[in-house]
Amino acid sequence: MKAEIIDILKQCYDPEIPIDLWNLGLIYDIDFTISENDKRDIKITMSLTTPGCTMGQHMADDIKNKVKALKKINNVEVIVTFDPPW
């Protein structure tokens, strides 16, 4: 499951930089918990290239939509942090 999510993250981009979020190093953690009907709740912790990045919500929504399309996914939460800074 983690490998599938990483593959999806490699398809998500910062619109200002032509490198995917995974290889850019913006993804800090991927956490799973099992919820109802053997589905997974996913929590992804990430950062942005700058604290004032105006595309942060766009990138978080892109991640949520793409990961939630996987089978066996119940909920996706994307947490943006600046600790540690990118």
PDB file of N, CA and C in Angstrom:
ATOM      1  N   MET A   1       0.829  -1.197   0.000  1.00  0.00           N
ATOM      2  CA  MET A   1       0.000   0.000   0.000  1.00  0.00           C
ATOM      3  C   MET A   1       0.872   1.259   0.000  1.00  0.00           C
ATOM      4  N   LYS A   2       1.937   1.248   0.814  1.00  0.00           N
ATOM      5  CA  LYS A   2       2.796   2.428   0.871  1.00  0.00           C
ATOM      6  C   LYS A   2       3.438   2.695  -0.489  1.00  0.00           C
ATOM      7  N   ALA A   3       3.851   1.638  -1.179  1.00  0.00           N
ATOM      8  CA  ALA A   3       4.465   1.806  -2.505  1.00  0.00           C
ATOM      9  C   ALA A   3       3.478   2.416  -3.490  1.00  0.00           C
ATOM     10  N   GLU A   4       2.203   2.018  -3.395  1.00  0.00           N
ATOM     11  CA  GLU A   4       1.180   2.598  -4.277  1.00  0.00           C
ATOM     12  C   GLU A   4       1.010   4.094  -4.007  1.00  0.00           C
ATOM     13  N   ILE A   5       1.019   4.457  -2.742  1.00  0.00           N
ATOM     14  CA  ILE A   5       0.863   5.870  -2.384  1.00  0.00           C
ATOM     15  C   ILE A   5       2.079   6.674  -2.849  1.00  0.00           C
ATOM     16  N   ILE A   6       3.261   6.113  -2.695  1.00  0.00           N
ATOM     17  CA  ILE A   6       4.464   6.806  -3.172  1.00  0.00           C
ATOM     18  C   ILE A   6       4.390   7.011  -4.681  1.00  0.00           C
ATOM     19  N   ASP A   7       3.916   5.995  -5.409  1.00  0.00           N
ATOM     20  CA  ASP A   7       3.754   6.149  -6.864  1.00  0.00           C
ATOM     21  C   ASP A   7       2.797   7.293  -7.196  1.00  0.00           C
ATOM     22  N   ILE A   8       1.730   7.427  -6.406  1.00  0.00           N
ATOM     23  CA  ILE A   8       0.782   8.526  -6.622  1.00  0.00           C
ATOM     24  C   ILE A   8       1.447   9.866  -6.304  1.00  0.00           C
ATOM     25  N   LEU A   9       2.206   9.928  -5.221  1.00  0.00           N
ATOM     26  CA  LEU A   9       2.878  11.174  -4.849  1.00  0.00           C
ATOM     27  C   LEU A   9       3.874  11.611  -5.912  1.00  0.00           C
ATOM     28  N   LYS A  10       4.390  10.650  -6.653  1.00  0.00           N
ATOM     29  CA  LYS A  10       5.309  10.974  -7.747  1.00  0.00           C
ATOM     30  C   LYS A  10       4.566  11.560  -8.950  1.00  0.00           C
ATOM     31  N   GLN A  11       3.226  11.567  -8.876  1.00  0.00           N
ATOM     32  CA  GLN A  11       2.404  12.173  -9.927  1.00  0.00           C
ATOM     33  C   GLN A  11       1.824  13.516  -9.481  1.00  0.00           C
ATOM     34  N   CYS A  12       2.184  13.962  -8.297  1.00  0.00           N
ATOM     35  CA  CYS A  12       1.714  15.236  -7.756  1.00  0.00           C
ATOM     36  C   CYS A  12       2.876  16.226  -7.795  1.00  0.00           C
ATOM     37  N   TYR A  13       2.609  17.410  -8.307  1.00  0.00           N
ATOM     38  CA  TYR A  13       3.667  18.391  -8.525  1.00  0.00           C
ATOM     39  C   TYR A  13       3.372  19.720  -7.848  1.00  0.00           C
ATOM     40  N   ASP A  14       4.433  20.399  -7.460  1.00  0.00           N
ATOM     41  CA  ASP A  14       4.352  21.805  -7.096  1.00  0.00           C
ATOM     42  C   ASP A  14       4.252  22.539  -8.431  1.00  0.00           C
ATOM     43  N   PRO A  15       3.184  23.295  -8.675  1.00  0.00           N
ATOM     44  CA  PRO A  15       3.005  23.944  -9.980  1.00  0.00           C
ATOM     45  C   PRO A  15       4.141  24.889 -10.374  1.00  0.00           C
ATOM     46  N   GLU A  16       4.922  25.339  -9.401  1.00  0.00           N
ATOM     47  CA  GLU A  16       5.997  26.279  -9.703  1.00  0.00           C
ATOM     48  C   GLU A  16       7.338  25.593  -9.968  1.00  0.00           C
ATOM     49  N   ILE A  17       7.427  24.281  -9.658  1.00  0.00           N
ATOM     50  CA  ILE A  17       8.684  23.539  -9.821  1.00  0.00           C
ATOM     51  C   ILE A  17       8.374  22.236 -10.563  1.00  0.00           C
ATOM     52  N   PRO A  18       9.064  21.936 -11.649  1.00  0.00           N
ATOM     53  CA  PRO A  18       8.739  20.736 -12.431  1.00  0.00           C
ATOM     54  C   PRO A  18       9.329  19.443 -11.851  1.00  0.00           C
ATOM     55  N   ILE A  19       9.213  19.267 -10.530  1.00  0.00           N
ATOM     56  CA  ILE A  19       9.665  18.052  -9.861  1.00  0.00           C
ATOM     57  C   ILE A  19       8.515  17.582  -8.974  1.00  0.00           C
ATOM     58  N   ASP A  20       8.271  16.261  -8.949  1.00  0.00           N
ATOM     59  CA  ASP A  20       7.161  15.758  -8.142  1.00  0.00           C
ATOM     60  C   ASP A  20       7.443  15.950  -6.647  1.00  0.00           C
ATOM     61  N   LEU A  21       6.369  15.944  -5.858  1.00  0.00           N
ATOM     62  CA  LEU A  21       6.470  16.231  -4.426  1.00  0.00           C
ATOM     63  C   LEU A  21       7.321  15.212  -3.678  1.00  0.00           C
ATOM     64  N   TRP A  22       7.271  13.950  -4.112  1.00  0.00           N
ATOM     65  CA  TRP A  22       8.060  12.914  -3.444  1.00  0.00           C
ATOM     66  C   TRP A  22       9.553  13.167  -3.642  1.00  0.00           C
ATOM     67  N   ASN A  23       9.973  13.320  -4.888  1.00  0.00           N
ATOM     68  CA  ASN A  23      11.394  13.518  -5.182  1.00  0.00           C
ATOM     69  C   ASN A  23      11.896  14.898  -4.762  1.00  0.00           C
ATOM     70  N   LEU A  24      10.983  15.828  -4.609  1.00  0.00           N
ATOM     71  CA  LEU A  24      11.350  17.154  -4.119  1.00  0.00           C
ATOM     72  C   LEU A  24      11.664  17.117  -2.615  1.00  0.00           C
ATOM     73  N   GLY A  25      11.213  16.060  -1.953  1.00  0.00           N
ATOM     74  CA  GLY A  25      11.478  15.905  -0.521  1.00  0.00           C
ATOM     75  C   GLY A  25      10.466  16.597   0.368  1.00  0.00           C
ATOM     76  N   LEU A  26       9.299  16.910  -0.178  1.00  0.00           N
ATOM     77  CA  LEU A  26       8.276  17.610   0.605  1.00  0.00           C
ATOM     78  C   LEU A  26       7.414  16.670   1.442  1.00  0.00           C
ATOM     79  N   ILE A  27       7.458  15.367   1.161  1.00  0.00           N
ATOM     80  CA  ILE A  27       6.671  14.398   1.924  1.00  0.00           C
ATOM     81  C   ILE A  27       7.528  13.890   3.075  1.00  0.00           C
ATOM     82  N   TYR A  28       7.067  14.127   4.304  1.00  0.00           N
ATOM     83  CA  TYR A  28       7.826  13.737   5.489  1.00  0.00           C
ATOM     84  C   TYR A  28       7.384  12.388   6.050  1.00  0.00           C
ATOM     85  N   ASP A  29       6.094  12.055   5.953  1.00  0.00           N
ATOM     86  CA  ASP A  29       5.609  10.824   6.573  1.00  0.00           C
ATOM     87  C   ASP A  29       4.319  10.366   5.910  1.00  0.00           C
ATOM     88  N   ILE A  30       4.146   9.046   5.866  1.00  0.00           N
ATOM     89  CA  ILE A  30       2.901   8.425   5.410  1.00  0.00           C
ATOM     90  C   ILE A  30       2.506   7.445   6.503  1.00  0.00           C
ATOM     91  N   ASP A  31       1.342   7.657   7.113  1.00  0.00           N
ATOM     92  CA  ASP A  31       0.893   6.827   8.226  1.00  0.00           C
ATOM     93  C   ASP A  31      -0.435   6.173   7.864  1.00  0.00           C
ATOM     94  N   PHE A  32      -0.627   4.917   8.308  1.00  0.00           N
ATOM     95  CA  PHE A  32      -1.837   4.159   8.005  1.00  0.00           C
ATOM     96  C   PHE A  32      -2.498   3.698   9.291  1.00  0.00           C
ATOM     97  N   THR A  33      -3.810   3.705   9.308  1.00  0.00           N
ATOM     98  CA  THR A  33      -4.569   3.003  10.336  1.00  0.00           C
ATOM     99  C   THR A  33      -5.695   2.273   9.630  1.00  0.00           C
ATOM    100  N   ILE A  34      -6.079   1.133  10.192  1.00  0.00           N
ATOM    101  CA  ILE A  34      -7.174   0.361   9.600  1.00  0.00           C
ATOM    102  C   ILE A  34      -8.473   0.862  10.202  1.00  0.00           C
ATOM    103  N   SER A  35      -9.432   1.150   9.327  1.00  0.00           N
ATOM    104  CA  SER A  35     -10.731   1.642   9.781  1.00  0.00           C
ATOM    105  C   SER A  35     -11.800   0.613   9.424  1.00  0.00           C
ATOM    106  N   GLU A  36     -13.006   1.057   9.307  1.00  0.00           N
ATOM    107  CA  GLU A  36     -14.136   0.173   9.039  1.00  0.00           C
ATOM    108  C   GLU A  36     -13.975  -0.584   7.719  1.00  0.00           C
ATOM    109  N   ASN A  37     -14.525  -1.791   7.680  1.00  0.00           N
ATOM    110  CA  ASN A  37     -14.529  -2.635   6.481  1.00  0.00           C
ATOM    111  C   ASN A  37     -13.130  -2.890   5.933  1.00  0.00           C
ATOM    112  N   ASP A  38     -12.139  -2.963   6.819  1.00  0.00           N
ATOM    113  CA  ASP A  38     -10.753  -3.237   6.434  1.00  0.00           C
ATOM    114  C   ASP A  38     -10.182  -2.178   5.494  1.00  0.00           C
ATOM    115  N   LYS A  39     -10.786  -1.001   5.502  1.00  0.00           N
ATOM    116  CA  LYS A  39     -10.240   0.099   4.698  1.00  0.00           C
ATOM    117  C   LYS A  39      -9.196   0.839   5.521  1.00  0.00           C
ATOM    118  N   ARG A  40      -8.398   1.646   4.855  1.00  0.00           N
ATOM    119  CA  ARG A  40      -7.308   2.354   5.517  1.00  0.00           C
ATOM    120  C   ARG A  40      -7.591   3.854   5.612  1.00  0.00           C
ATOM    121  N   ASP A  41      -7.230   4.421   6.740  1.00  0.00           N
ATOM    122  CA  ASP A  41      -7.167   5.871   6.883  1.00  0.00           C
ATOM    123  C   ASP A  41      -5.704   6.237   6.692  1.00  0.00           C
ATOM    124  N   ILE A  42      -5.446   7.218   5.853  1.00  0.00           N
ATOM    125  CA  ILE A  42      -4.092   7.612   5.506  1.00  0.00           C
ATOM    126  C   ILE A  42      -3.844   9.027   6.016  1.00  0.00           C
ATOM    127  N   LYS A  43      -2.698   9.217   6.661  1.00  0.00           N
ATOM    128  CA  LYS A  43      -2.290  10.557   7.083  1.00  0.00           C
ATOM    129  C   LYS A  43      -0.927  10.834   6.454  1.00  0.00           C
ATOM    130  N   ILE A  44      -0.858  11.875   5.638  1.00  0.00           N
ATOM    131  CA  ILE A  44       0.373  12.260   4.959  1.00  0.00           C
ATOM    132  C   ILE A  44       0.825  13.596   5.528  1.00  0.00           C
ATOM    133  N   THR A  45       2.054  13.631   6.012  1.00  0.00           N
ATOM    134  CA  THR A  45       2.629  14.868   6.537  1.00  0.00           C
ATOM    135  C   THR A  45       3.614  15.396   5.513  1.00  0.00           C
ATOM    136  N   MET A  46       3.453  16.659   5.167  1.00  0.00           N
ATOM    137  CA  MET A  46       4.291  17.258   4.131  1.00  0.00           C
ATOM    138  C   MET A  46       4.650  18.687   4.496  1.00  0.00           C
ATOM    139  N   SER A  47       5.555  19.247   3.735  1.00  0.00           N
ATOM    140  CA  SER A  47       5.913  20.650   3.879  1.00  0.00           C
ATOM    141  C   SER A  47       5.720  21.331   2.533  1.00  0.00           C
ATOM    142  N   LEU A  48       5.980  22.608   2.512  1.00  0.00           N
ATOM    143  CA  LEU A  48       5.923  23.390   1.280  1.00  0.00           C
ATOM    144  C   LEU A  48       7.298  23.999   1.056  1.00  0.00           C
ATOM    145  N   THR A  49       7.554  24.444  -0.150  1.00  0.00           N
ATOM    146  CA  THR A  49       8.868  25.014  -0.454  1.00  0.00           C
ATOM    147  C   THR A  49       9.119  26.303   0.321  1.00  0.00           C
ATOM    148  N   THR A  50       8.059  27.064   0.596  1.00  0.00           N
ATOM    149  CA  THR A  50       8.167  28.284   1.403  1.00  0.00           C
ATOM    150  C   THR A  50       6.909  28.418   2.261  1.00  0.00           C
ATOM    151  N   PRO A  51       7.004  29.022   3.445  1.00  0.00           N
ATOM    152  CA  PRO A  51       5.818  29.203   4.277  1.00  0.00           C
ATOM    153  C   PRO A  51       4.711  30.000   3.585  1.00  0.00           C
ATOM    154  N   GLY A  52       5.055  30.883   2.678  1.00  0.00           N
ATOM    155  CA  GLY A  52       4.056  31.700   2.000  1.00  0.00           C
ATOM    156  C   GLY A  52       3.559  31.117   0.693  1.00  0.00           C
ATOM    157  N   CYS A  53       3.845  29.843   0.453  1.00  0.00           N
ATOM    158  CA  CYS A  53       3.443  29.205  -0.808  1.00  0.00           C
ATOM    159  C   CYS A  53       1.924  29.259  -0.966  1.00  0.00           C
ATOM    160  N   THR A  54       1.464  29.862  -2.035  1.00  0.00           N
ATOM    161  CA  THR A  54       0.024  30.019  -2.263  1.00  0.00           C
ATOM    162  C   THR A  54      -0.616  28.773  -2.865  1.00  0.00           C
ATOM    163  N   MET A  55       0.184  27.792  -3.254  1.00  0.00           N
ATOM    164  CA  MET A  55      -0.344  26.583  -3.885  1.00  0.00           C
ATOM    165  C   MET A  55      -0.464  25.416  -2.904  1.00  0.00           C
ATOM    166  N   GLY A  56      -0.237  25.665  -1.623  1.00  0.00           N
ATOM    167  CA  GLY A  56      -0.278  24.601  -0.623  1.00  0.00           C
ATOM    168  C   GLY A  56      -1.594  23.852  -0.590  1.00  0.00           C
ATOM    169  N   GLN A  57      -2.709  24.566  -0.569  1.00  0.00           N
ATOM    170  CA  GLN A  57      -4.015  23.909  -0.525  1.00  0.00           C
ATOM    171  C   GLN A  57      -4.271  23.133  -1.806  1.00  0.00           C
ATOM    172  N   HIS A  58      -3.861  23.678  -2.929  1.00  0.00           N
ATOM    173  CA  HIS A  58      -4.004  22.980  -4.215  1.00  0.00           C
ATOM    174  C   HIS A  58      -3.250  21.647  -4.187  1.00  0.00           C
ATOM    175  N   MET A  59      -2.018  21.657  -3.693  1.00  0.00           N
ATOM    176  CA  MET A  59      -1.218  20.429  -3.644  1.00  0.00           C
ATOM    177  C   MET A  59      -1.826  19.421  -2.670  1.00  0.00           C
ATOM    178  N   ALA A  60      -2.289  19.873  -1.504  1.00  0.00           N
ATOM    179  CA  ALA A  60      -2.916  18.978  -0.533  1.00  0.00           C
ATOM    180  C   ALA A  60      -4.187  18.356  -1.111  1.00  0.00           C
ATOM    181  N   ASP A  61      -4.998  19.143  -1.794  1.00  0.00           N
ATOM    182  CA  ASP A  61      -6.219  18.618  -2.418  1.00  0.00           C
ATOM    183  C   ASP A  61      -5.895  17.618  -3.514  1.00  0.00           C
ATOM    184  N   ASP A  62      -4.859  17.886  -4.294  1.00  0.00           N
ATOM    185  CA  ASP A  62      -4.438  16.967  -5.348  1.00  0.00           C
ATOM    186  C   ASP A  62      -4.033  15.622  -4.747  1.00  0.00           C
ATOM    187  N   ILE A  63      -3.254  15.659  -3.673  1.00  0.00           N
ATOM    188  CA  ILE A  63      -2.850  14.427  -2.996  1.00  0.00           C
ATOM    189  C   ILE A  63      -4.075  13.677  -2.491  1.00  0.00           C
ATOM    190  N   LYS A  64      -4.969  14.366  -1.778  1.00  0.00           N
ATOM    191  CA  LYS A  64      -6.167  13.724  -1.225  1.00  0.00           C
ATOM    192  C   LYS A  64      -6.985  13.042  -2.310  1.00  0.00           C
ATOM    193  N   ASN A  65      -7.258  13.749  -3.395  1.00  0.00           N
ATOM    194  CA  ASN A  65      -8.089  13.199  -4.461  1.00  0.00           C
ATOM    195  C   ASN A  65      -7.458  11.985  -5.115  1.00  0.00           C
ATOM    196  N   LYS A  66      -6.167  12.035  -5.361  1.00  0.00           N
ATOM    197  CA  LYS A  66      -5.494  10.917  -6.032  1.00  0.00           C
ATOM    198  C   LYS A  66      -5.356   9.703  -5.118  1.00  0.00           C
ATOM    199  N   VAL A  67      -5.017   9.911  -3.856  1.00  0.00           N
ATOM    200  CA  VAL A  67      -4.863   8.783  -2.936  1.00  0.00           C
ATOM    201  C   VAL A  67      -6.218   8.170  -2.613  1.00  0.00           C
ATOM    202  N   LYS A  68      -7.235   8.996  -2.448  1.00  0.00           N
ATOM    203  CA  LYS A  68      -8.570   8.480  -2.111  1.00  0.00           C
ATOM    204  C   LYS A  68      -9.152   7.625  -3.236  1.00  0.00           C
ATOM    205  N   ALA A  69      -8.648   7.781  -4.453  1.00  0.00           N
ATOM    206  CA  ALA A  69      -9.129   6.980  -5.579  1.00  0.00           C
ATOM    207  C   ALA A  69      -8.662   5.522  -5.494  1.00  0.00           C
ATOM    208  N   LEU A  70      -7.674   5.237  -4.648  1.00  0.00           N
ATOM    209  CA  LEU A  70      -7.217   3.860  -4.473  1.00  0.00           C
ATOM    210  C   LEU A  70      -8.296   3.035  -3.780  1.00  0.00           C
ATOM    211  N   LYS A  71      -8.358   1.756  -4.116  1.00  0.00           N
ATOM    212  CA  LYS A  71      -9.261   0.852  -3.403  1.00  0.00           C
ATOM    213  C   LYS A  71      -8.744   0.687  -1.986  1.00  0.00           C
ATOM    214  N   LYS A  72      -9.643   0.373  -1.091  1.00  0.00           N
ATOM    215  CA  LYS A  72      -9.313   0.145   0.315  1.00  0.00           C
ATOM    216  C   LYS A  72      -8.928   1.409   1.077  1.00  0.00           C
ATOM    217  N   ILE A  73      -9.246   2.579   0.541  1.00  0.00           N
ATOM    218  CA  ILE A  73      -8.954   3.827   1.251  1.00  0.00           C
ATOM    219  C   ILE A  73     -10.262   4.414   1.768  1.00  0.00           C
ATOM    220  N   ASN A  74     -10.318   4.701   3.048  1.00  0.00           N
ATOM    221  CA  ASN A  74     -11.493   5.302   3.651  1.00  0.00           C
ATOM    222  C   ASN A  74     -11.360   6.817   3.715  1.00  0.00           C
ATOM    223  N   ASN A  75     -10.256   7.291   4.290  1.00  0.00           N
ATOM    224  CA  ASN A  75     -10.084   8.721   4.493  1.00  0.00           C
ATOM    225  C   ASN A  75      -8.617   9.094   4.272  1.00  0.00           C
ATOM    226  N   VAL A  76      -8.394  10.311   3.763  1.00  0.00           N
ATOM    227  CA  VAL A  76      -7.038  10.816   3.554  1.00  0.00           C
ATOM    228  C   VAL A  76      -6.936  12.181   4.215  1.00  0.00           C
ATOM    229  N   GLU A  77      -5.944  12.333   5.065  1.00  0.00           N
ATOM    230  CA  GLU A  77      -5.676  13.613   5.714  1.00  0.00           C
ATOM    231  C   GLU A  77      -4.270  14.050   5.318  1.00  0.00           C
ATOM    232  N   VAL A  78      -4.135  15.292   4.894  1.00  0.00           N
ATOM    233  CA  VAL A  78      -2.828  15.841   4.552  1.00  0.00           C
ATOM    234  C   VAL A  78      -2.532  16.960   5.542  1.00  0.00           C
ATOM    235  N   ILE A  79      -1.439  16.808   6.260  1.00  0.00           N
ATOM    236  CA  ILE A  79      -1.026  17.794   7.254  1.00  0.00           C
ATOM    237  C   ILE A  79       0.193  18.526   6.714  1.00  0.00           C
ATOM    238  N   VAL A  80       0.125  19.848   6.712  1.00  0.00           N
ATOM    239  CA  VAL A  80       1.254  20.662   6.264  1.00  0.00           C
ATOM    240  C   VAL A  80       1.991  21.172   7.497  1.00  0.00           C
ATOM    241  N   THR A  81       3.294  20.957   7.517  1.00  0.00           N
ATOM    242  CA  THR A  81       4.128  21.390   8.641  1.00  0.00           C
ATOM    243  C   THR A  81       5.382  22.080   8.120  1.00  0.00           C
ATOM    244  N   PHE A  82       5.953  22.886   8.946  1.00  0.00           N
ATOM    245  CA  PHE A  82       7.235  23.513   8.609  1.00  0.00           C
ATOM    246  C   PHE A  82       8.293  23.120   9.641  1.00  0.00           C
ATOM    247  N   ASP A  83       8.066  21.982  10.299  1.00  0.00           N
ATOM    248  CA  ASP A  83       9.001  21.468  11.285  1.00  0.00           C
ATOM    249  C   ASP A  83       9.338  20.023  10.950  1.00  0.00           C
ATOM    250  N   PRO A  84      10.452  19.749  10.372  1.00  0.00           N
ATOM    251  CA  PRO A  84      11.536  20.687  10.067  1.00  0.00           C
ATOM    252  C   PRO A  84      11.252  21.459   8.785  1.00  0.00           C
ATOM    253  N   PRO A  85      11.869  22.599   8.632  1.00  0.00           N
ATOM    254  CA  PRO A  85      11.691  23.356   7.387  1.00  0.00           C
ATOM    255  C   PRO A  85      12.319  22.607   6.218  1.00  0.00           C
ATOM    256  N   TRP A  86      11.763  22.799   5.052  1.00  0.00           N
ATOM    257  CA  TRP A  86      12.244  22.115   3.841  1.00  0.00           C
ATOM    258  C   TRP A  86      13.594  22.559   3.458  1.00  0.00           C
TER     259      TRP A  86
END
